[in-house]
Amino acid sequence: MIIHYSPYFDSGYYIDFSNRSSCMVNESVVGNTGLLAELELRGGLSRRHLSPTEREANYYNLMKSYIRRHPGCFIQQSFDVDEFGVASELLHWRDELVLCGWNRQVTGISDKLNLL
């Protein structure tokens, strides 16, 4: 198997088949996410991952239930205006914090971090 990798391939790529002498049988074009998936698969570590849309839907449901239990919380007004946008943005910031090594077990720093 031949794997063509670049971190830029996660956002889409273009293959000019007029300049290729062969078809792409047994070849993959992958970015960071695709390379990680290939390594997991080859290493026997494969498992089902939620799609980005499923993750956002799950996080939206969690935020909606949180706001029902805590009326008047600091994101209430924003959530009333754009529920999906706010949940998506909060999930984005949560992912960024996790990638930076954030430890969610540490609490009491701020209400915003506790919410995420």
PDB file of N, CA and C in Angstrom:
ATOM      1  N   MET A   1       0.833  -1.173   0.000  1.00  0.00           N
ATOM      2  CA  MET A   1       0.000   0.000   0.000  1.00  0.00           C
ATOM      3  C   MET A   1       0.880   1.240   0.000  1.00  0.00           C
ATOM      4  N   ILE A   2       0.488   2.230  -0.749  1.00  0.00           N
ATOM      5  CA  ILE A   2       1.197   3.502  -0.815  1.00  0.00           C
ATOM      6  C   ILE A   2       0.305   4.559  -0.168  1.00  0.00           C
ATOM      7  N   ILE A   3       0.896   5.303   0.770  1.00  0.00           N
ATOM      8  CA  ILE A   3       0.160   6.369   1.444  1.00  0.00           C
ATOM      9  C   ILE A   3       0.804   7.694   1.071  1.00  0.00           C
ATOM     10  N   HIS A   4       0.020   8.589   0.500  1.00  0.00           N
ATOM     11  CA  HIS A   4       0.461   9.943   0.187  1.00  0.00           C
ATOM     12  C   HIS A   4      -0.036  10.832   1.314  1.00  0.00           C
ATOM     13  N   TYR A   5       0.901  11.409   2.065  1.00  0.00           N
ATOM     14  CA  TYR A   5       0.536  12.179   3.249  1.00  0.00           C
ATOM     15  C   TYR A   5       0.979  13.631   3.132  1.00  0.00           C
ATOM     16  N   SER A   6       0.132  14.512   3.595  1.00  0.00           N
ATOM     17  CA  SER A   6       0.477  15.909   3.847  1.00  0.00           C
ATOM     18  C   SER A   6      -0.551  16.439   4.846  1.00  0.00           C
ATOM     19  N   PRO A   7      -0.137  17.281   5.776  1.00  0.00           N
ATOM     20  CA  PRO A   7      -1.116  17.833   6.715  1.00  0.00           C
ATOM     21  C   PRO A   7      -2.175  18.671   6.011  1.00  0.00           C
ATOM     22  N   TYR A   8      -1.891  19.117   4.795  1.00  0.00           N
ATOM     23  CA  TYR A   8      -2.840  19.929   4.043  1.00  0.00           C
ATOM     24  C   TYR A   8      -3.938  19.102   3.391  1.00  0.00           C
ATOM     25  N   PHE A   9      -3.795  17.779   3.357  1.00  0.00           N
ATOM     26  CA  PHE A   9      -4.778  16.928   2.684  1.00  0.00           C
ATOM     27  C   PHE A   9      -6.037  16.700   3.509  1.00  0.00           C
ATOM     28  N   ASP A  10      -6.077  17.115   4.770  1.00  0.00           N
ATOM     29  CA  ASP A  10      -7.296  16.978   5.572  1.00  0.00           C
ATOM     30  C   ASP A  10      -8.414  17.866   5.057  1.00  0.00           C
ATOM     31  N   SER A  11      -8.069  18.972   4.452  1.00  0.00           N
ATOM     32  CA  SER A  11      -9.093  19.917   4.006  1.00  0.00           C
ATOM     33  C   SER A  11      -9.463  19.725   2.539  1.00  0.00           C
ATOM     34  N   GLY A  12      -9.061  18.642   1.935  1.00  0.00           N
ATOM     35  CA  GLY A  12      -9.368  18.383   0.528  1.00  0.00           C
ATOM     36  C   GLY A  12      -8.102  18.441  -0.304  1.00  0.00           C
ATOM     37  N   TYR A  13      -8.102  17.797  -1.403  1.00  0.00           N
ATOM     38  CA  TYR A  13      -6.923  17.749  -2.254  1.00  0.00           C
ATOM     39  C   TYR A  13      -7.372  17.549  -3.695  1.00  0.00           C
ATOM     40  N   TYR A  14      -6.432  17.777  -4.613  1.00  0.00           N
ATOM     41  CA  TYR A  14      -6.723  17.609  -6.033  1.00  0.00           C
ATOM     42  C   TYR A  14      -5.643  16.724  -6.632  1.00  0.00           C
ATOM     43  N   ILE A  15      -6.050  15.705  -7.349  1.00  0.00           N
ATOM     44  CA  ILE A  15      -5.113  14.826  -8.045  1.00  0.00           C
ATOM     45  C   ILE A  15      -5.316  15.035  -9.537  1.00  0.00           C
ATOM     46  N   ASP A  16      -4.267  15.435 -10.219  1.00  0.00           N
ATOM     47  CA  ASP A  16      -4.334  15.647 -11.660  1.00  0.00           C
ATOM     48  C   ASP A  16      -4.040  14.312 -12.343  1.00  0.00           C
ATOM     49  N   PHE A  17      -5.094  13.587 -12.702  1.00  0.00           N
ATOM     50  CA  PHE A  17      -4.923  12.269 -13.294  1.00  0.00           C
ATOM     51  C   PHE A  17      -4.330  12.333 -14.699  1.00  0.00           C
ATOM     52  N   SER A  18      -4.345  13.494 -15.336  1.00  0.00           N
ATOM     53  CA  SER A  18      -3.737  13.594 -16.666  1.00  0.00           C
ATOM     54  C   SER A  18      -2.214  13.519 -16.594  1.00  0.00           C
ATOM     55  N   ASN A  19      -1.636  13.830 -15.426  1.00  0.00           N
ATOM     56  CA  ASN A  19      -0.182  13.758 -15.252  1.00  0.00           C
ATOM     57  C   ASN A  19       0.273  12.456 -14.607  1.00  0.00           C
ATOM     58  N   ARG A  20      -0.653  11.537 -14.329  1.00  0.00           N
ATOM     59  CA  ARG A  20      -0.291  10.259 -13.696  1.00  0.00           C
ATOM     60  C   ARG A  20      -0.256   9.168 -14.747  1.00  0.00           C
ATOM     61  N   SER A  21       0.679   8.263 -14.597  1.00  0.00           N
ATOM     62  CA  SER A  21       0.793   7.164 -15.551  1.00  0.00           C
ATOM     63  C   SER A  21       0.021   5.931 -15.102  1.00  0.00           C
ATOM     64  N   SER A  22      -0.519   5.946 -13.891  1.00  0.00           N
ATOM     65  CA  SER A  22      -1.264   4.786 -13.396  1.00  0.00           C
ATOM     66  C   SER A  22      -2.449   5.250 -12.563  1.00  0.00           C
ATOM     67  N   CYS A  23      -3.384   4.332 -12.340  1.00  0.00           N
ATOM     68  CA  CYS A  23      -4.509   4.662 -11.462  1.00  0.00           C
ATOM     69  C   CYS A  23      -4.068   4.509 -10.015  1.00  0.00           C
ATOM     70  N   MET A  24      -4.930   4.829  -9.095  1.00  0.00           N
ATOM     71  CA  MET A  24      -4.560   4.853  -7.684  1.00  0.00           C
ATOM     72  C   MET A  24      -5.076   3.627  -6.929  1.00  0.00           C
ATOM     73  N   VAL A  25      -4.890   2.453  -7.493  1.00  0.00           N
ATOM     74  CA  VAL A  25      -5.279   1.235  -6.798  1.00  0.00           C
ATOM     75  C   VAL A  25      -4.261   0.977  -5.696  1.00  0.00           C
ATOM     76  N   ASN A  26      -4.749   0.702  -4.504  1.00  0.00           N
ATOM     77  CA  ASN A  26      -3.914   0.425  -3.340  1.00  0.00           C
ATOM     78  C   ASN A  26      -3.097   1.646  -2.915  1.00  0.00           C
ATOM     79  N   GLU A  27      -3.628   2.844  -3.156  1.00  0.00           N
ATOM     80  CA  GLU A  27      -3.003   4.077  -2.716  1.00  0.00           C
ATOM     81  C   GLU A  27      -4.025   4.892  -1.937  1.00  0.00           C
ATOM     82  N   SER A  28      -3.558   5.591  -0.910  1.00  0.00           N
ATOM     83  CA  SER A  28      -4.428   6.473  -0.124  1.00  0.00           C
ATOM     84  C   SER A  28      -3.794   7.842  -0.037  1.00  0.00           C
ATOM     85  N   VAL A  29      -4.631   8.864  -0.085  1.00  0.00           N
ATOM     86  CA  VAL A  29      -4.203  10.241   0.115  1.00  0.00           C
ATOM     87  C   VAL A  29      -4.793  10.677   1.447  1.00  0.00           C
ATOM     88  N   VAL A  30      -3.926  10.996   2.417  1.00  0.00           N
ATOM     89  CA  VAL A  30      -4.404  11.279   3.774  1.00  0.00           C
ATOM     90  C   VAL A  30      -3.741  12.516   4.351  1.00  0.00           C
ATOM     91  N   GLY A  31      -4.459  13.154   5.261  1.00  0.00           N
ATOM     92  CA  GLY A  31      -3.920  14.238   6.075  1.00  0.00           C
ATOM     93  C   GLY A  31      -3.618  13.695   7.461  1.00  0.00           C
ATOM     94  N   ASN A  32      -3.563  14.562   8.454  1.00  0.00           N
ATOM     95  CA  ASN A  32      -3.250  14.131   9.822  1.00  0.00           C
ATOM     96  C   ASN A  32      -4.256  13.117  10.346  1.00  0.00           C
ATOM     97  N   THR A  33      -5.542  13.412  10.177  1.00  0.00           N
ATOM     98  CA  THR A  33      -6.585  12.531  10.681  1.00  0.00           C
ATOM     99  C   THR A  33      -6.554  11.182   9.964  1.00  0.00           C
ATOM    100  N   GLY A  34      -6.392  11.230   8.658  1.00  0.00           N
ATOM    101  CA  GLY A  34      -6.342   9.989   7.878  1.00  0.00           C
ATOM    102  C   GLY A  34      -5.128   9.150   8.210  1.00  0.00           C
ATOM    103  N   LEU A  35      -3.983   9.795   8.429  1.00  0.00           N
ATOM    104  CA  LEU A  35      -2.767   9.058   8.788  1.00  0.00           C
ATOM    105  C   LEU A  35      -2.936   8.389  10.146  1.00  0.00           C
ATOM    106  N   LEU A  36      -3.514   9.101  11.093  1.00  0.00           N
ATOM    107  CA  LEU A  36      -3.763   8.511  12.409  1.00  0.00           C
ATOM    108  C   LEU A  36      -4.695   7.309  12.294  1.00  0.00           C
ATOM    109  N   ALA A  37      -5.733   7.426  11.468  1.00  0.00           N
ATOM    110  CA  ALA A  37      -6.661   6.310  11.265  1.00  0.00           C
ATOM    111  C   ALA A  37      -5.942   5.107  10.648  1.00  0.00           C
ATOM    112  N   GLU A  38      -5.064   5.343   9.692  1.00  0.00           N
ATOM    113  CA  GLU A  38      -4.299   4.248   9.079  1.00  0.00           C
ATOM    114  C   GLU A  38      -3.383   3.575  10.099  1.00  0.00           C
ATOM    115  N   LEU A  39      -2.716   4.379  10.931  1.00  0.00           N
ATOM    116  CA  LEU A  39      -1.829   3.815  11.954  1.00  0.00           C
ATOM    117  C   LEU A  39      -2.603   2.999  12.980  1.00  0.00           C
ATOM    118  N   GLU A  40      -3.769   3.508  13.387  1.00  0.00           N
ATOM    119  CA  GLU A  40      -4.606   2.769  14.328  1.00  0.00           C
ATOM    120  C   GLU A  40      -5.074   1.460  13.720  1.00  0.00           C
ATOM    121  N   LEU A  41      -5.489   1.513  12.475  1.00  0.00           N
ATOM    122  CA  LEU A  41      -5.970   0.312  11.798  1.00  0.00           C
ATOM    123  C   LEU A  41      -4.859  -0.729  11.674  1.00  0.00           C
ATOM    124  N   ARG A  42      -3.694  -0.311  11.235  1.00  0.00           N
ATOM    125  CA  ARG A  42      -2.564  -1.245  11.047  1.00  0.00           C
ATOM    126  C   ARG A  42      -2.031  -1.753  12.377  1.00  0.00           C
ATOM    127  N   GLY A  43      -2.184  -0.952  13.434  1.00  0.00           N
ATOM    128  CA  GLY A  43      -1.704  -1.361  14.750  1.00  0.00           C
ATOM    129  C   GLY A  43      -2.747  -2.118  15.560  1.00  0.00           C
ATOM    130  N   GLY A  44      -3.918  -2.346  14.988  1.00  0.00           N
ATOM    131  CA  GLY A  44      -4.967  -3.070  15.693  1.00  0.00           C
ATOM    132  C   GLY A  44      -5.657  -2.247  16.759  1.00  0.00           C
ATOM    133  N   LEU A  45      -5.576  -0.935  16.649  1.00  0.00           N
ATOM    134  CA  LEU A  45      -6.177  -0.056  17.653  1.00  0.00           C
ATOM    135  C   LEU A  45      -7.442   0.608  17.144  1.00  0.00           C
ATOM    136  N   SER A  46      -8.004   0.070  16.131  1.00  0.00           N
ATOM    137  CA  SER A  46      -9.155   0.702  15.494  1.00  0.00           C
ATOM    138  C   SER A  46     -10.390   0.603  16.378  1.00  0.00           C
ATOM    139  N   ARG A  47     -11.140   1.675  16.376  1.00  0.00           N
ATOM    140  CA  ARG A  47     -12.416   1.705  17.070  1.00  0.00           C
ATOM    141  C   ARG A  47     -13.300   2.727  16.366  1.00  0.00           C
ATOM    142  N   ARG A  48     -14.574   2.703  16.664  1.00  0.00           N
ATOM    143  CA  ARG A  48     -15.514   3.612  16.025  1.00  0.00           C
ATOM    144  C   ARG A  48     -15.377   5.006  16.630  1.00  0.00           C
ATOM    145  N   HIS A  49     -15.203   5.982  15.769  1.00  0.00           N
ATOM    146  CA  HIS A  49     -15.141   7.377  16.199  1.00  0.00           C
ATOM    147  C   HIS A  49     -16.413   8.077  15.757  1.00  0.00           C
ATOM    148  N   LEU A  50     -16.862   8.993  16.561  1.00  0.00           N
ATOM    149  CA  LEU A  50     -18.011   9.800  16.168  1.00  0.00           C
ATOM    150  C   LEU A  50     -17.588  10.803  15.101  1.00  0.00           C
ATOM    151  N   SER A  51     -18.468  11.056  14.176  1.00  0.00           N
ATOM    152  CA  SER A  51     -18.194  12.070  13.173  1.00  0.00           C
ATOM    153  C   SER A  51     -18.263  13.442  13.835  1.00  0.00           C
ATOM    154  N   PRO A  52     -17.684  14.462  13.203  1.00  0.00           N
ATOM    155  CA  PRO A  52     -17.786  15.810  13.778  1.00  0.00           C
ATOM    156  C   PRO A  52     -19.234  16.249  13.993  1.00  0.00           C
ATOM    157  N   THR A  53     -20.110  15.884  13.089  1.00  0.00           N
ATOM    158  CA  THR A  53     -21.520  16.245  13.227  1.00  0.00           C
ATOM    159  C   THR A  53     -22.147  15.555  14.429  1.00  0.00           C
ATOM    160  N   GLU A  54     -21.832  14.277  14.636  1.00  0.00           N
ATOM    161  CA  GLU A  54     -22.360  13.549  15.798  1.00  0.00           C
ATOM    162  C   GLU A  54     -21.831  14.143  17.098  1.00  0.00           C
ATOM    163  N   ARG A  55     -20.548  14.525  17.113  1.00  0.00           N
ATOM    164  CA  ARG A  55     -19.969  15.138  18.311  1.00  0.00           C
ATOM    165  C   ARG A  55     -20.674  16.450  18.639  1.00  0.00           C
ATOM    166  N   GLU A  56     -20.913  17.279  17.608  1.00  0.00           N
ATOM    167  CA  GLU A  56     -21.590  18.546  17.836  1.00  0.00           C
ATOM    168  C   GLU A  56     -23.016  18.332  18.328  1.00  0.00           C
ATOM    169  N   ALA A  57     -23.704  17.338  17.769  1.00  0.00           N
ATOM    170  CA  ALA A  57     -25.073  17.047  18.200  1.00  0.00           C
ATOM    171  C   ALA A  57     -25.091  16.588  19.655  1.00  0.00           C
ATOM    172  N   ASN A  58     -24.166  15.729  20.030  1.00  0.00           N
ATOM    173  CA  ASN A  58     -24.087  15.267  21.424  1.00  0.00           C
ATOM    174  C   ASN A  58     -23.782  16.429  22.374  1.00  0.00           C
ATOM    175  N   TYR A  59     -22.846  17.293  21.978  1.00  0.00           N
ATOM    176  CA  TYR A  59     -22.482  18.418  22.829  1.00  0.00           C
ATOM    177  C   TYR A  59     -23.638  19.408  22.934  1.00  0.00           C
ATOM    178  N   TYR A  60     -24.359  19.598  21.826  1.00  0.00           N
ATOM    179  CA  TYR A  60     -25.538  20.463  21.841  1.00  0.00           C
ATOM    180  C   TYR A  60     -26.561  19.942  22.852  1.00  0.00           C
ATOM    181  N   ASN A  61     -26.819  18.636  22.831  1.00  0.00           N
ATOM    182  CA  ASN A  61     -27.775  18.044  23.779  1.00  0.00           C
ATOM    183  C   ASN A  61     -27.312  18.226  25.219  1.00  0.00           C
ATOM    184  N   LEU A  62     -26.008  18.077  25.465  1.00  0.00           N
ATOM    185  CA  LEU A  62     -25.477  18.283  26.818  1.00  0.00           C
ATOM    186  C   LEU A  62     -25.650  19.734  27.267  1.00  0.00           C
ATOM    187  N   MET A  63     -25.356  20.672  26.370  1.00  0.00           N
ATOM    188  CA  MET A  63     -25.501  22.087  26.715  1.00  0.00           C
ATOM    189  C   MET A  63     -26.965  22.454  26.957  1.00  0.00           C
ATOM    190  N   LYS A  64     -27.855  21.913  26.142  1.00  0.00           N
ATOM    191  CA  LYS A  64     -29.290  22.201  26.302  1.00  0.00           C
ATOM    192  C   LYS A  64     -29.785  21.693  27.661  1.00  0.00           C
ATOM    193  N   SER A  65     -29.371  20.484  28.044  1.00  0.00           N
ATOM    194  CA  SER A  65     -29.799  19.952  29.340  1.00  0.00           C
ATOM    195  C   SER A  65     -29.155  20.726  30.496  1.00  0.00           C
ATOM    196  N   TYR A  66     -27.906  21.185  30.308  1.00  0.00           N
ATOM    197  CA  TYR A  66     -27.233  21.973  31.345  1.00  0.00           C
ATOM    198  C   TYR A  66     -27.992  23.282  31.582  1.00  0.00           C
ATOM    199  N   ILE A  67     -28.388  23.935  30.492  1.00  0.00           N
ATOM    200  CA  ILE A  67     -29.082  25.216  30.625  1.00  0.00           C
ATOM    201  C   ILE A  67     -30.465  25.023  31.242  1.00  0.00           C
ATOM    202  N   ARG A  68     -31.113  23.906  30.951  1.00  0.00           N
ATOM    203  CA  ARG A  68     -32.412  23.627  31.598  1.00  0.00           C
ATOM    204  C   ARG A  68     -32.245  23.463  33.104  1.00  0.00           C
ATOM    205  N   ARG A  69     -31.153  22.830  33.526  1.00  0.00           N
ATOM    206  CA  ARG A  69     -30.902  22.618  34.951  1.00  0.00           C
ATOM    207  C   ARG A  69     -30.373  23.869  35.645  1.00  0.00           C
ATOM    208  N   HIS A  70     -29.737  24.782  34.883  1.00  0.00           N
ATOM    209  CA  HIS A  70     -29.138  25.991  35.453  1.00  0.00           C
ATOM    210  C   HIS A  70     -29.659  27.230  34.723  1.00  0.00           C
ATOM    211  N   PRO A  71     -30.939  27.557  34.894  1.00  0.00           N
ATOM    212  CA  PRO A  71     -31.480  28.738  34.214  1.00  0.00           C
ATOM    213  C   PRO A  71     -30.762  30.005  34.684  1.00  0.00           C
ATOM    214  N   GLY A  72     -30.526  30.901  33.734  1.00  0.00           N
ATOM    215  CA  GLY A  72     -29.853  32.146  34.062  1.00  0.00           C
ATOM    216  C   GLY A  72     -28.341  32.052  34.076  1.00  0.00           C
ATOM    217  N   CYS A  73     -27.779  30.925  33.665  1.00  0.00           N
ATOM    218  CA  CYS A  73     -26.316  30.814  33.635  1.00  0.00           C
ATOM    219  C   CYS A  73     -25.758  31.791  32.595  1.00  0.00           C
ATOM    220  N   PHE A  74     -24.441  32.015  32.616  1.00  0.00           N
ATOM    221  CA  PHE A  74     -23.846  33.086  31.833  1.00  0.00           C
ATOM    222  C   PHE A  74     -23.954  32.901  30.320  1.00  0.00           C
ATOM    223  N   ILE A  75     -24.261  31.702  29.823  1.00  0.00           N
ATOM    224  CA  ILE A  75     -24.418  31.525  28.377  1.00  0.00           C
ATOM    225  C   ILE A  75     -25.882  31.456  27.953  1.00  0.00           C
ATOM    226  N   GLN A  76     -26.778  31.624  28.877  1.00  0.00           N
ATOM    227  CA  GLN A  76     -28.217  31.502  28.596  1.00  0.00           C
ATOM    228  C   GLN A  76     -28.663  32.399  27.445  1.00  0.00           C
ATOM    229  N   GLN A  77     -28.327  33.682  27.497  1.00  0.00           N
ATOM    230  CA  GLN A  77     -28.789  34.614  26.470  1.00  0.00           C
ATOM    231  C   GLN A  77     -28.198  34.284  25.101  1.00  0.00           C
ATOM    232  N   SER A  78     -26.916  33.958  25.058  1.00  0.00           N
ATOM    233  CA  SER A  78     -26.292  33.586  23.780  1.00  0.00           C
ATOM    234  C   SER A  78     -26.913  32.308  23.236  1.00  0.00           C
ATOM    235  N   PHE A  79     -27.155  31.370  24.110  1.00  0.00           N
ATOM    236  CA  PHE A  79     -27.734  30.093  23.690  1.00  0.00           C
ATOM    237  C   PHE A  79     -29.149  30.298  23.161  1.00  0.00           C
ATOM    238  N   ASP A  80     -29.903  31.201  23.752  1.00  0.00           N
ATOM    239  CA  ASP A  80     -31.256  31.484  23.271  1.00  0.00           C
ATOM    240  C   ASP A  80     -31.239  32.055  21.854  1.00  0.00           C
ATOM    241  N   VAL A  81     -30.214  32.821  21.520  1.00  0.00           N
ATOM    242  CA  VAL A  81     -30.111  33.435  20.197  1.00  0.00           C
ATOM    243  C   VAL A  81     -29.674  32.422  19.149  1.00  0.00           C
ATOM    244  N   ASP A  82     -28.637  31.597  19.447  1.00  0.00           N
ATOM    245  CA  ASP A  82     -28.086  30.657  18.472  1.00  0.00           C
ATOM    246  C   ASP A  82     -27.607  29.399  19.189  1.00  0.00           C
ATOM    247  N   GLU A  83     -28.514  28.478  19.432  1.00  0.00           N
ATOM    248  CA  GLU A  83     -28.196  27.278  20.205  1.00  0.00           C
ATOM    249  C   GLU A  83     -27.075  26.462  19.572  1.00  0.00           C
ATOM    250  N   PHE A  84     -27.206  26.172  18.290  1.00  0.00           N
ATOM    251  CA  PHE A  84     -26.230  25.311  17.627  1.00  0.00           C
ATOM    252  C   PHE A  84     -24.872  25.990  17.489  1.00  0.00           C
ATOM    253  N   GLY A  85     -24.879  27.277  17.179  1.00  0.00           N
ATOM    254  CA  GLY A  85     -23.621  28.010  17.037  1.00  0.00           C
ATOM    255  C   GLY A  85     -22.850  28.082  18.339  1.00  0.00           C
ATOM    256  N   VAL A  86     -23.550  28.347  19.424  1.00  0.00           N
ATOM    257  CA  VAL A  86     -22.904  28.442  20.737  1.00  0.00           C
ATOM    258  C   VAL A  86     -22.351  27.083  21.150  1.00  0.00           C
ATOM    259  N   ALA A  87     -23.133  26.028  20.988  1.00  0.00           N
ATOM    260  CA  ALA A  87     -22.661  24.688  21.355  1.00  0.00           C
ATOM    261  C   ALA A  87     -21.455  24.301  20.509  1.00  0.00           C
ATOM    262  N   SER A  88     -21.477  24.616  19.230  1.00  0.00           N
ATOM    263  CA  SER A  88     -20.359  24.298  18.345  1.00  0.00           C
ATOM    264  C   SER A  88     -19.098  25.049  18.757  1.00  0.00           C
ATOM    265  N   GLU A  89     -19.252  26.319  19.086  1.00  0.00           N
ATOM    266  CA  GLU A  89     -18.092  27.123  19.503  1.00  0.00           C
ATOM    267  C   GLU A  89     -17.536  26.640  20.836  1.00  0.00           C
ATOM    268  N   LEU A  90     -18.401  26.292  21.770  1.00  0.00           N
ATOM    269  CA  LEU A  90     -17.933  25.765  23.058  1.00  0.00           C
ATOM    270  C   LEU A  90     -17.183  24.449  22.877  1.00  0.00           C
ATOM    271  N   LEU A  91     -17.687  23.595  21.996  1.00  0.00           N
ATOM    272  CA  LEU A  91     -17.002  22.329  21.723  1.00  0.00           C
ATOM    273  C   LEU A  91     -15.635  22.594  21.098  1.00  0.00           C
ATOM    274  N   HIS A  92     -15.585  23.570  20.202  1.00  0.00           N
ATOM    275  CA  HIS A  92     -14.298  23.930  19.590  1.00  0.00           C
ATOM    276  C   HIS A  92     -13.290  24.356  20.664  1.00  0.00           C
ATOM    277  N   TRP A  93     -13.710  25.225  21.578  1.00  0.00           N
ATOM    278  CA  TRP A  93     -12.802  25.681  22.631  1.00  0.00           C
ATOM    279  C   TRP A  93     -12.428  24.552  23.582  1.00  0.00           C
ATOM    280  N   ARG A  94     -13.359  23.667  23.851  1.00  0.00           N
ATOM    281  CA  ARG A  94     -13.060  22.512  24.700  1.00  0.00           C
ATOM    282  C   ARG A  94     -11.990  21.636  24.044  1.00  0.00           C
ATOM    283  N   ASP A  95     -12.144  21.379  22.740  1.00  0.00           N
ATOM    284  CA  ASP A  95     -11.151  20.584  22.011  1.00  0.00           C
ATOM    285  C   ASP A  95      -9.783  21.251  22.020  1.00  0.00           C
ATOM    286  N   GLU A  96      -9.764  22.568  21.852  1.00  0.00           N
ATOM    287  CA  GLU A  96      -8.492  23.302  21.881  1.00  0.00           C
ATOM    288  C   GLU A  96      -7.815  23.152  23.241  1.00  0.00           C
ATOM    289  N   LEU A  97      -8.586  23.283  24.307  1.00  0.00           N
ATOM    290  CA  LEU A  97      -8.015  23.135  25.651  1.00  0.00           C
ATOM    291  C   LEU A  97      -7.472  21.726  25.873  1.00  0.00           C
ATOM    292  N   VAL A  98      -8.215  20.720  25.419  1.00  0.00           N
ATOM    293  CA  VAL A  98      -7.769  19.327  25.581  1.00  0.00           C
ATOM    294  C   VAL A  98      -6.465  19.101  24.820  1.00  0.00           C
ATOM    295  N   LEU A  99      -6.359  19.641  23.610  1.00  0.00           N
ATOM    296  CA  LEU A  99      -5.133  19.487  22.822  1.00  0.00           C
ATOM    297  C   LEU A  99      -3.941  20.182  23.467  1.00  0.00           C
ATOM    298  N   CYS A 100      -4.203  21.199  24.282  1.00  0.00           N
ATOM    299  CA  CYS A 100      -3.131  21.908  24.987  1.00  0.00           C
ATOM    300  C   CYS A 100      -2.791  21.265  26.329  1.00  0.00           C
ATOM    301  N   GLY A 101      -3.463  20.155  26.667  1.00  0.00           N
ATOM    302  CA  GLY A 101      -3.149  19.448  27.906  1.00  0.00           C
ATOM    303  C   GLY A 101      -4.003  19.832  29.089  1.00  0.00           C
ATOM    304  N   TRP A 102      -5.144  20.426  28.833  1.00  0.00           N
ATOM    305  CA  TRP A 102      -6.053  20.844  29.895  1.00  0.00           C
ATOM    306  C   TRP A 102      -6.509  19.643  30.708  1.00  0.00           C
ATOM    307  N   ASN A 103      -6.512  19.794  32.020  1.00  0.00           N
ATOM    308  CA  ASN A 103      -6.967  18.750  32.928  1.00  0.00           C
ATOM    309  C   ASN A 103      -8.330  19.162  33.467  1.00  0.00           C
ATOM    310  N   ARG A 104      -9.380  18.481  33.029  1.00  0.00           N
ATOM    311  CA  ARG A 104     -10.733  18.876  33.436  1.00  0.00           C
ATOM    312  C   ARG A 104     -11.044  18.519  34.883  1.00  0.00           C
ATOM    313  N   GLN A 105     -10.159  17.775  35.535  1.00  0.00           N
ATOM    314  CA  GLN A 105     -10.369  17.443  36.941  1.00  0.00           C
ATOM    315  C   GLN A 105     -10.114  18.640  37.849  1.00  0.00           C
ATOM    316  N   VAL A 106      -9.335  19.614  37.359  1.00  0.00           N
ATOM    317  CA  VAL A 106      -9.068  20.826  38.132  1.00  0.00           C
ATOM    318  C   VAL A 106     -10.265  21.746  37.968  1.00  0.00           C
ATOM    319  N   THR A 107     -10.957  22.028  39.031  1.00  0.00           N
ATOM    320  CA  THR A 107     -12.158  22.859  38.984  1.00  0.00           C
ATOM    321  C   THR A 107     -12.012  24.062  39.901  1.00  0.00           C
ATOM    322  N   GLY A 108     -12.954  24.983  39.814  1.00  0.00           N
ATOM    323  CA  GLY A 108     -12.961  26.131  40.683  1.00  0.00           C
ATOM    324  C   GLY A 108     -12.167  27.320  40.167  1.00  0.00           C
ATOM    325  N   ILE A 109     -11.591  27.219  38.969  1.00  0.00           N
ATOM    326  CA  ILE A 109     -10.816  28.338  38.419  1.00  0.00           C
ATOM    327  C   ILE A 109     -11.784  29.398  37.889  1.00  0.00           C
ATOM    328  N   SER A 110     -12.767  28.955  37.099  1.00  0.00           N
ATOM    329  CA  SER A 110     -13.786  29.889  36.600  1.00  0.00           C
ATOM    330  C   SER A 110     -15.029  29.095  36.220  1.00  0.00           C
ATOM    331  N   ASP A 111     -16.149  29.784  36.201  1.00  0.00           N
ATOM    332  CA  ASP A 111     -17.407  29.131  35.793  1.00  0.00           C
ATOM    333  C   ASP A 111     -17.328  28.680  34.346  1.00  0.00           C
ATOM    334  N   LYS A 112     -16.642  29.441  33.517  1.00  0.00           N
ATOM    335  CA  LYS A 112     -16.545  29.111  32.099  1.00  0.00           C
ATOM    336  C   LYS A 112     -15.794  27.800  31.894  1.00  0.00           C
ATOM    337  N   LEU A 113     -14.677  27.629  32.545  1.00  0.00           N
ATOM    338  CA  LEU A 113     -13.923  26.374  32.421  1.00  0.00           C
ATOM    339  C   LEU A 113     -14.698  25.211  33.017  1.00  0.00           C
ATOM    340  N   ASN A 114     -15.386  25.448  34.122  1.00  0.00           N
ATOM    341  CA  ASN A 114     -16.197  24.386  34.710  1.00  0.00           C
ATOM    342  C   ASN A 114     -17.285  23.937  33.745  1.00  0.00           C
ATOM    343  N   LEU A 115     -17.873  24.877  33.009  1.00  0.00           N
ATOM    344  CA  LEU A 115     -18.913  24.535  32.049  1.00  0.00           C
ATOM    345  C   LEU A 115     -18.377  23.677  30.917  1.00  0.00           C
ATOM    346  N   LEU A 116     -17.211  24.045  30.385  1.00  0.00           N
ATOM    347  CA  LEU A 116     -16.645  23.278  29.272  1.00  0.00           C
ATOM    348  C   LEU A 116     -16.371  21.854  29.691  1.00  0.00           C
TER     349      LEU A 116
END
